[in-house]
Amino acid sequence: EGLLKEKGISTEFIHIENGTSRINLKIRSDVESEINGMGPVIRKEDLELLYEQLDTLKDDDVLVLAGSIPSGMPQSIYRDIMSRLQSKRIKIAVDATKDLLMNVLAYHPFVIKPNNHELGEIFGVTLKTREEVIPYGRKLQEKGARNVLVSMAGEGAVLIAEDGQVFDTP
């Protein structure tokens, strides 16, 4: 937090009573390993502070909802946040897995970012190539997503834009 202030970046972190953010560690060698720590328990009072902070967002602000959610928070939290903010013109980006992602589509997020494995899991298929992800990204648009960015690790990414264009990066 102090380093961000030194760089001229304002922050509005919500400090909770019991714990700090979780720590995630990736070990890269011949095979990548991932160690994800447990996050802190979020109390109802902490969640209310978050909602109060979200209520200060204005039209044309951007909100990113990303990652798994801490224990104690409702599994519908991303959907609940988007429902609460639906009267404002806020661009919301969602980077989450399966149910957390699927539950927000009715609120038309500006962009969602599944990776190819997560996208395949949603539809019960295996997606390995950039070409394979396009029809499934379009299905998420049919369900409400405006733009779908599918990351593919070393294979780059594919953006299926709201206007129907497809952008492909190696």
C-alpha atoms as a PDB file:
ATOM      1  CA  GLU A   1       0.000   0.000   0.000  1.00  0.00           C
ATOM      2  CA  GLY A   2       2.838   2.395   0.865  1.00  0.00           C
ATOM      3  CA  LEU A   3       4.619   1.732  -2.438  1.00  0.00           C
ATOM      4  CA  LEU A   4       1.440   2.484  -4.384  1.00  0.00           C
ATOM      5  CA  LYS A   5       1.090   5.839  -2.621  1.00  0.00           C
ATOM      6  CA  GLU A   6       4.736   6.619  -3.433  1.00  0.00           C
ATOM      7  CA  LYS A   7       3.924   6.004  -7.107  1.00  0.00           C
ATOM      8  CA  GLY A   8       0.947   8.384  -6.931  1.00  0.00           C
ATOM      9  CA  ILE A   9      -1.669   5.627  -6.996  1.00  0.00           C
ATOM     10  CA  SER A  10      -4.510   6.162  -4.576  1.00  0.00           C
ATOM     11  CA  THR A  11      -5.883   3.111  -2.789  1.00  0.00           C
ATOM     12  CA  GLU A  12      -8.998   2.386  -0.801  1.00  0.00           C
ATOM     13  CA  PHE A  13      -8.258  -1.023   0.678  1.00  0.00           C
ATOM     14  CA  ILE A  14     -10.657  -2.477   3.196  1.00  0.00           C
ATOM     15  CA  HIS A  15      -8.595  -3.653   6.147  1.00  0.00           C
ATOM     16  CA  ILE A  16     -10.149  -6.668   7.829  1.00  0.00           C
ATOM     17  CA  GLU A  17      -9.793  -7.763  11.409  1.00  0.00           C
ATOM     18  CA  ASN A  18      -8.691 -11.371  10.904  1.00  0.00           C
ATOM     19  CA  GLY A  19      -6.043 -11.876   8.282  1.00  0.00           C
ATOM     20  CA  THR A  20      -4.539 -10.540   5.124  1.00  0.00           C
ATOM     21  CA  SER A  21      -4.814 -11.389   1.460  1.00  0.00           C
ATOM     22  CA  ARG A  22      -3.917 -14.891   0.476  1.00  0.00           C
ATOM     23  CA  ILE A  23      -0.571 -15.754  -1.065  1.00  0.00           C
ATOM     24  CA  ASN A  24      -0.349 -17.752  -4.283  1.00  0.00           C
ATOM     25  CA  LEU A  25       2.893 -19.283  -5.453  1.00  0.00           C
ATOM     26  CA  LYS A  26       3.809 -20.739  -8.840  1.00  0.00           C
ATOM     27  CA  ILE A  27       6.859 -22.915  -9.274  1.00  0.00           C
ATOM     28  CA  ARG A  28       8.091 -23.264 -12.837  1.00  0.00           C
ATOM     29  CA  SER A  29      10.344 -26.086 -13.874  1.00  0.00           C
ATOM     30  CA  ASP A  30       9.716 -28.898 -16.327  1.00  0.00           C
ATOM     31  CA  VAL A  31       6.180 -28.913 -14.951  1.00  0.00           C
ATOM     32  CA  GLU A  32       4.460 -25.915 -13.415  1.00  0.00           C
ATOM     33  CA  SER A  33       3.195 -26.288  -9.844  1.00  0.00           C
ATOM     34  CA  GLU A  34       0.762 -23.986  -8.127  1.00  0.00           C
ATOM     35  CA  ILE A  35       0.319 -23.482  -4.389  1.00  0.00           C
ATOM     36  CA  ASN A  36      -2.716 -21.389  -3.454  1.00  0.00           C
ATOM     37  CA  GLY A  37      -3.089 -20.249   0.121  1.00  0.00           C
ATOM     38  CA  MET A  38      -6.426 -19.872   1.848  1.00  0.00           C
ATOM     39  CA  GLY A  39      -7.742 -16.343   2.069  1.00  0.00           C
ATOM     40  CA  PRO A  40      -9.078 -14.793   5.248  1.00  0.00           C
ATOM     41  CA  VAL A  41     -12.651 -15.176   6.431  1.00  0.00           C
ATOM     42  CA  ILE A  42     -14.674 -12.124   5.445  1.00  0.00           C
ATOM     43  CA  ARG A  43     -17.210 -10.978   8.033  1.00  0.00           C
ATOM     44  CA  LYS A  44     -20.622  -9.550   7.178  1.00  0.00           C
ATOM     45  CA  GLU A  45     -19.392  -6.142   8.397  1.00  0.00           C
ATOM     46  CA  ASP A  46     -16.446  -6.286   5.969  1.00  0.00           C
ATOM     47  CA  LEU A  47     -18.777  -7.137   3.101  1.00  0.00           C
ATOM     48  CA  GLU A  48     -20.953  -4.133   3.963  1.00  0.00           C
ATOM     49  CA  LEU A  49     -17.854  -1.910   3.776  1.00  0.00           C
ATOM     50  CA  LEU A  50     -17.175  -3.312   0.311  1.00  0.00           C
ATOM     51  CA  TYR A  51     -20.717  -2.554  -0.821  1.00  0.00           C
ATOM     52  CA  GLU A  52     -20.456   1.000   0.535  1.00  0.00           C
ATOM     53  CA  GLN A  53     -17.264   1.471  -1.443  1.00  0.00           C
ATOM     54  CA  LEU A  54     -18.832   0.036  -4.602  1.00  0.00           C
ATOM     55  CA  ASP A  55     -21.744   2.445  -4.239  1.00  0.00           C
ATOM     56  CA  THR A  56     -19.307   5.328  -4.810  1.00  0.00           C
ATOM     57  CA  LEU A  57     -18.532   4.142  -8.361  1.00  0.00           C
ATOM     58  CA  LYS A  58     -19.737   6.489 -11.084  1.00  0.00           C
ATOM     59  CA  ASP A  59     -20.785   6.127 -14.703  1.00  0.00           C
ATOM     60  CA  ASP A  60     -17.849   5.209 -16.970  1.00  0.00           C
ATOM     61  CA  ASP A  61     -15.792   3.745 -14.087  1.00  0.00           C
ATOM     62  CA  VAL A  62     -14.254   0.305 -14.615  1.00  0.00           C
ATOM     63  CA  LEU A  63     -14.598  -2.509 -12.086  1.00  0.00           C
ATOM     64  CA  VAL A  64     -12.629  -5.758 -12.252  1.00  0.00           C
ATOM     65  CA  LEU A  65     -14.020  -8.821 -10.479  1.00  0.00           C
ATOM     66  CA  ALA A  66     -11.291 -11.436 -10.533  1.00  0.00           C
ATOM     67  CA  GLY A  67     -10.377 -14.736  -9.006  1.00  0.00           C
ATOM     68  CA  SER A  68     -11.871 -17.050  -6.460  1.00  0.00           C
ATOM     69  CA  ILE A  69     -13.755 -15.612  -3.534  1.00  0.00           C
ATOM     70  CA  PRO A  70     -12.790 -15.787   0.134  1.00  0.00           C
ATOM     71  CA  SER A  71     -14.563 -18.189   2.463  1.00  0.00           C
ATOM     72  CA  GLY A  72     -17.632 -16.788   4.124  1.00  0.00           C
ATOM     73  CA  MET A  73     -18.659 -14.781   1.073  1.00  0.00           C
ATOM     74  CA  PRO A  74     -21.743 -15.905  -0.808  1.00  0.00           C
ATOM     75  CA  GLN A  75     -21.055 -17.839  -4.014  1.00  0.00           C
ATOM     76  CA  SER A  76     -23.279 -15.294  -5.742  1.00  0.00           C
ATOM     77  CA  ILE A  77     -21.081 -12.319  -4.746  1.00  0.00           C
ATOM     78  CA  TYR A  78     -20.045 -11.285  -8.276  1.00  0.00           C
ATOM     79  CA  ARG A  79     -23.648 -11.509  -9.483  1.00  0.00           C
ATOM     80  CA  ASP A  80     -24.820  -9.616  -6.383  1.00  0.00           C
ATOM     81  CA  ILE A  81     -22.295  -6.834  -7.039  1.00  0.00           C
ATOM     82  CA  MET A  82     -23.331  -6.532 -10.681  1.00  0.00           C
ATOM     83  CA  SER A  83     -27.011  -6.494  -9.739  1.00  0.00           C
ATOM     84  CA  ARG A  84     -26.381  -3.709  -7.238  1.00  0.00           C
ATOM     85  CA  LEU A  85     -24.530  -1.636  -9.843  1.00  0.00           C
ATOM     86  CA  GLN A  86     -26.782  -2.287 -12.835  1.00  0.00           C
ATOM     87  CA  SER A  87     -28.334   1.192 -12.776  1.00  0.00           C
ATOM     88  CA  LYS A  88     -24.901   2.728 -13.401  1.00  0.00           C
ATOM     89  CA  ARG A  89     -22.962   2.649 -16.667  1.00  0.00           C
ATOM     90  CA  ILE A  90     -19.915   0.868 -15.274  1.00  0.00           C
ATOM     91  CA  LYS A  91     -17.710  -1.330 -17.434  1.00  0.00           C
ATOM     92  CA  ILE A  92     -17.228  -4.558 -15.540  1.00  0.00           C
ATOM     93  CA  ALA A  93     -14.559  -7.124 -16.359  1.00  0.00           C
ATOM     94  CA  VAL A  94     -14.919 -10.604 -14.875  1.00  0.00           C
ATOM     95  CA  ASP A  95     -12.079 -13.110 -14.627  1.00  0.00           C
ATOM     96  CA  ALA A  96     -13.508 -16.076 -12.748  1.00  0.00           C
ATOM     97  CA  THR A  97     -14.314 -19.731 -13.160  1.00  0.00           C
ATOM     98  CA  LYS A  98     -17.468 -21.647 -13.974  1.00  0.00           C
ATOM     99  CA  ASP A  99     -20.391 -20.652 -11.701  1.00  0.00           C
ATOM    100  CA  LEU A 100     -18.910 -17.302 -10.615  1.00  0.00           C
ATOM    101  CA  LEU A 101     -18.554 -16.441 -14.304  1.00  0.00           C
ATOM    102  CA  MET A 102     -21.782 -17.932 -15.607  1.00  0.00           C
ATOM    103  CA  ASN A 103     -23.881 -16.251 -12.901  1.00  0.00           C
ATOM    104  CA  VAL A 104     -22.929 -12.746 -14.089  1.00  0.00           C
ATOM    105  CA  LEU A 105     -23.741 -13.123 -17.782  1.00  0.00           C
ATOM    106  CA  ALA A 106     -27.330 -11.913 -17.337  1.00  0.00           C
ATOM    107  CA  TYR A 107     -25.859  -8.531 -16.289  1.00  0.00           C
ATOM    108  CA  HIS A 108     -23.897  -8.194 -19.558  1.00  0.00           C
ATOM    109  CA  PRO A 109     -20.334  -7.719 -18.337  1.00  0.00           C
ATOM    110  CA  PHE A 110     -18.176  -5.598 -20.633  1.00  0.00           C
ATOM    111  CA  VAL A 111     -15.569  -8.344 -20.874  1.00  0.00           C
ATOM    112  CA  ILE A 112     -15.063 -11.804 -19.418  1.00  0.00           C
ATOM    113  CA  LYS A 113     -11.757 -13.654 -19.457  1.00  0.00           C
ATOM    114  CA  PRO A 114     -11.886 -17.407 -19.175  1.00  0.00           C
ATOM    115  CA  ASN A 115      -8.869 -19.405 -20.226  1.00  0.00           C
ATOM    116  CA  ASN A 116      -9.324 -22.189 -22.766  1.00  0.00           C
ATOM    117  CA  HIS A 117      -9.493 -24.869 -20.026  1.00  0.00           C
ATOM    118  CA  GLU A 118     -12.160 -22.962 -18.070  1.00  0.00           C
ATOM    119  CA  LEU A 119     -14.137 -22.344 -21.259  1.00  0.00           C
ATOM    120  CA  GLY A 120     -13.962 -26.034 -22.120  1.00  0.00           C
ATOM    121  CA  GLU A 121     -15.045 -26.987 -18.599  1.00  0.00           C
ATOM    122  CA  ILE A 122     -18.153 -24.787 -18.915  1.00  0.00           C
ATOM    123  CA  PHE A 123     -19.250 -26.659 -22.049  1.00  0.00           C
ATOM    124  CA  GLY A 124     -17.820 -30.103 -21.258  1.00  0.00           C
ATOM    125  CA  VAL A 125     -15.261 -30.088 -24.087  1.00  0.00           C
ATOM    126  CA  THR A 126     -11.497 -29.912 -24.490  1.00  0.00           C
ATOM    127  CA  LEU A 127     -10.295 -26.786 -26.308  1.00  0.00           C
ATOM    128  CA  LYS A 128      -6.673 -26.724 -27.455  1.00  0.00           C
ATOM    129  CA  THR A 129      -6.513 -24.345 -30.416  1.00  0.00           C
ATOM    130  CA  ARG A 130      -7.432 -20.719 -30.934  1.00  0.00           C
ATOM    131  CA  GLU A 131      -9.904 -21.733 -33.640  1.00  0.00           C
ATOM    132  CA  GLU A 132     -11.689 -24.154 -31.276  1.00  0.00           C
ATOM    133  CA  VAL A 133     -12.438 -21.500 -28.652  1.00  0.00           C
ATOM    134  CA  ILE A 134     -14.227 -19.086 -30.995  1.00  0.00           C
ATOM    135  CA  PRO A 135     -17.635 -20.832 -31.218  1.00  0.00           C
ATOM    136  CA  TYR A 136     -17.689 -21.356 -27.442  1.00  0.00           C
ATOM    137  CA  GLY A 137     -16.767 -17.724 -26.817  1.00  0.00           C
ATOM    138  CA  ARG A 138     -19.688 -16.763 -29.054  1.00  0.00           C
ATOM    139  CA  LYS A 139     -21.967 -18.986 -26.950  1.00  0.00           C
ATOM    140  CA  LEU A 140     -20.980 -16.941 -23.886  1.00  0.00           C
ATOM    141  CA  GLN A 141     -21.898 -13.815 -25.836  1.00  0.00           C
ATOM    142  CA  GLU A 142     -25.300 -15.328 -26.593  1.00  0.00           C
ATOM    143  CA  LYS A 143     -25.704 -15.786 -22.831  1.00  0.00           C
ATOM    144  CA  GLY A 144     -24.899 -12.112 -22.176  1.00  0.00           C
ATOM    145  CA  ALA A 145     -21.151 -11.388 -22.275  1.00  0.00           C
ATOM    146  CA  ARG A 146     -20.317  -8.415 -24.482  1.00  0.00           C
ATOM    147  CA  ASN A 147     -16.657  -9.238 -25.186  1.00  0.00           C
ATOM    148  CA  VAL A 148     -14.922 -12.549 -24.507  1.00  0.00           C
ATOM    149  CA  LEU A 149     -11.144 -12.730 -24.093  1.00  0.00           C
ATOM    150  CA  VAL A 150      -9.884 -16.311 -23.991  1.00  0.00           C
ATOM    151  CA  SER A 151      -6.319 -16.685 -22.733  1.00  0.00           C
ATOM    152  CA  MET A 152      -4.397 -19.730 -23.905  1.00  0.00           C
ATOM    153  CA  ALA A 153      -1.126 -19.641 -21.947  1.00  0.00           C
ATOM    154  CA  GLY A 154       1.742 -20.089 -24.415  1.00  0.00           C
ATOM    155  CA  GLU A 155      -0.684 -20.106 -27.344  1.00  0.00           C
ATOM    156  CA  GLY A 156      -1.626 -16.430 -26.924  1.00  0.00           C
ATOM    157  CA  ALA A 157      -5.210 -15.221 -26.661  1.00  0.00           C
ATOM    158  CA  VAL A 158      -8.377 -14.741 -28.684  1.00  0.00           C
ATOM    159  CA  LEU A 159     -10.744 -11.785 -28.320  1.00  0.00           C
ATOM    160  CA  ILE A 160     -14.278 -12.238 -29.589  1.00  0.00           C
ATOM    161  CA  ALA A 161     -15.476  -8.638 -29.718  1.00  0.00           C
ATOM    162  CA  GLU A 162     -18.974  -7.343 -29.200  1.00  0.00           C
ATOM    163  CA  ASP A 163     -19.193  -6.302 -32.860  1.00  0.00           C
ATOM    164  CA  GLY A 164     -18.414  -9.850 -34.029  1.00  0.00           C
ATOM    165  CA  GLN A 165     -14.770  -9.314 -34.915  1.00  0.00           C
ATOM    166  CA  VAL A 166     -12.205 -11.852 -33.757  1.00  0.00           C
ATOM    167  CA  PHE A 167      -8.710 -10.771 -32.790  1.00  0.00           C
ATOM    168  CA  ASP A 168      -6.045 -13.421 -32.453  1.00  0.00           C
ATOM    169  CA  THR A 169      -2.617 -13.028 -30.857  1.00  0.00           C
ATOM    170  CA  PRO A 170       0.110 -15.625 -30.976  1.00  0.00           C
END
